Protein backbone atom coordinates (compact mmCIF):
# COMPACT_ATOMS: atom_id res chain seq x y z
CA MET A 1 0.00 0.00 0.00
CA GLN A 2 2.81 2.40 0.82
CA THR A 3 4.38 1.84 -2.59
CA ASN A 4 1.05 2.65 -4.29
CA THR A 5 0.63 5.75 -2.13
CA LEU A 6 4.15 6.91 -2.93
CA ALA A 7 3.69 6.21 -6.63
CA THR A 8 0.40 8.12 -6.66
CA TRP A 9 1.86 11.18 -4.95
CA ASN A 10 5.00 11.13 -7.10
CA ASN A 11 2.80 10.90 -10.21
CA LEU A 12 0.81 13.93 -9.00
CA ALA A 13 4.00 15.87 -8.24
CA THR A 14 5.40 15.10 -11.71
CA ASN A 15 2.28 16.46 -13.41
CA MET A 16 1.72 19.58 -11.32
CA PRO A 17 2.84 23.08 -12.21
CA ALA A 18 6.41 23.95 -11.23
CA THR A 19 5.22 26.25 -8.43
CA TRP A 20 3.64 23.33 -6.54
CA ALA A 21 5.30 20.61 -4.47
CA GLY A 22 8.83 21.95 -4.67
CA GLY A 23 8.97 22.18 -8.45
CA ARG A 24 8.04 20.04 -11.44
CA GLY A 25 9.01 16.44 -10.96
CA ALA A 26 9.58 16.70 -7.20
CA LYS A 27 9.62 13.27 -5.54
CA LEU A 28 8.07 12.47 -2.19
CA THR A 29 9.49 10.06 0.30
CA THR A 30 7.30 7.27 1.61
CA LYS A 31 7.09 9.05 4.97
CA ALA A 32 6.07 12.37 3.41
CA ALA A 33 3.45 10.69 1.21
CA ASP A 34 2.02 8.82 4.19
CA GLU A 35 1.86 12.03 6.24
CA ILE A 36 0.01 13.81 3.46
CA MET A 37 -2.42 10.91 3.07
CA GLN A 38 -3.02 10.81 6.83
CA LYS A 39 -3.70 14.57 6.99
CA THR A 40 -6.02 14.33 4.00
CA HIS A 41 -7.89 11.41 5.55
CA LEU A 42 -8.29 13.23 8.88
CA ALA A 43 -9.51 16.38 7.12
CA THR A 44 -12.09 14.32 5.22
CA ILE A 45 -13.34 12.67 8.41
CA HIS A 46 -13.54 16.08 10.09
CA GLU A 47 -15.65 17.51 7.26
CA GLN A 48 -17.94 14.48 7.20
CA GLY A 49 -18.49 14.84 10.95
CA ARG A 50 -19.28 18.52 10.55
CA ALA A 51 -21.74 17.78 7.73
CA LEU A 52 -23.46 15.15 9.87
CA LEU A 53 -23.79 17.65 12.73
CA ALA A 54 -25.26 20.25 10.35
CA TYR A 55 -27.68 17.73 8.85
CA THR A 56 -28.84 16.62 12.30
CA ALA A 57 -29.21 20.21 13.51
CA LEU A 58 -31.30 21.12 10.47
CA GLU A 59 -33.47 18.04 10.87
CA ASN A 60 -34.01 18.75 14.58
CA THR A 61 -34.72 22.44 13.97
CA MET A 62 -37.27 21.53 11.32
CA MET A 63 -38.96 19.10 13.73
CA LEU A 64 -38.95 21.66 16.55
CA SER A 65 -40.35 24.34 14.22
CA GLU A 66 -43.21 22.04 13.28
CA MET A 67 -43.81 21.31 16.96
CA GLU A 68 -43.74 25.06 17.64
CA ARG A 69 -46.49 25.56 15.05
CA THR A 70 -48.58 22.80 16.64
CA CYS A 71 -48.11 24.24 20.13
CA TYR A 72 -49.21 27.65 18.87
CA LYS A 73 -52.45 26.13 17.54
CA VAL A 74 -53.15 24.52 20.92
CA ALA A 75 -52.02 27.40 23.14
CA PRO A 76 -51.43 30.61 21.15
CA PHE A 77 -50.44 32.67 24.18
CA GLY A 78 -47.18 30.70 24.44
CA GLU A 79 -46.01 31.79 20.98
CA GLU A 80 -43.10 33.92 22.21
CA ARG A 81 -41.86 31.15 24.51
CA TYR A 82 -42.05 28.54 21.76
CA GLN A 83 -40.04 30.78 19.45
CA GLN A 84 -37.44 31.40 22.15
CA ILE A 85 -36.98 27.66 22.72
CA VAL A 86 -36.59 26.84 19.03
CA ASN A 87 -34.32 29.84 18.44
CA ALA A 88 -32.15 28.88 21.43
CA TYR A 89 -31.74 25.35 20.09
CA ALA A 90 -30.91 26.57 16.59
CA ALA A 91 -28.40 29.15 17.87
CA SER A 92 -26.71 26.59 20.12
CA ALA A 93 -26.50 24.04 17.31
CA ALA A 94 -25.04 26.63 14.93
CA MET A 95 -22.34 27.55 17.47
CA LYS A 96 -21.43 23.88 17.99
CA ILE A 97 -21.10 23.36 14.25
CA ALA A 98 -18.97 26.49 13.89
CA ARG A 99 -16.65 25.29 16.70
CA TRP A 100 -16.36 21.80 15.21
């Protein structure tokens, strides 16, 4: 696997513009290629986690908004409180996603 990784990165380096990767035809060591692959993999996992958090927050906010509408129909005088609860959840979720 390391040989394939190294070959892939060296192939990319050979075909990139001279201003990238230390110049045209620059070769990567196995260690450098593995480090790049590891960082890329971790960045991908990080973004997937963030997307899952955003998806879940949107889904939950949608559900809470629908519940807010139902609560308003049953007890309209609580409208401001229902909005505050849903807004607090949405704001908290947005901050968590931003910090992720």
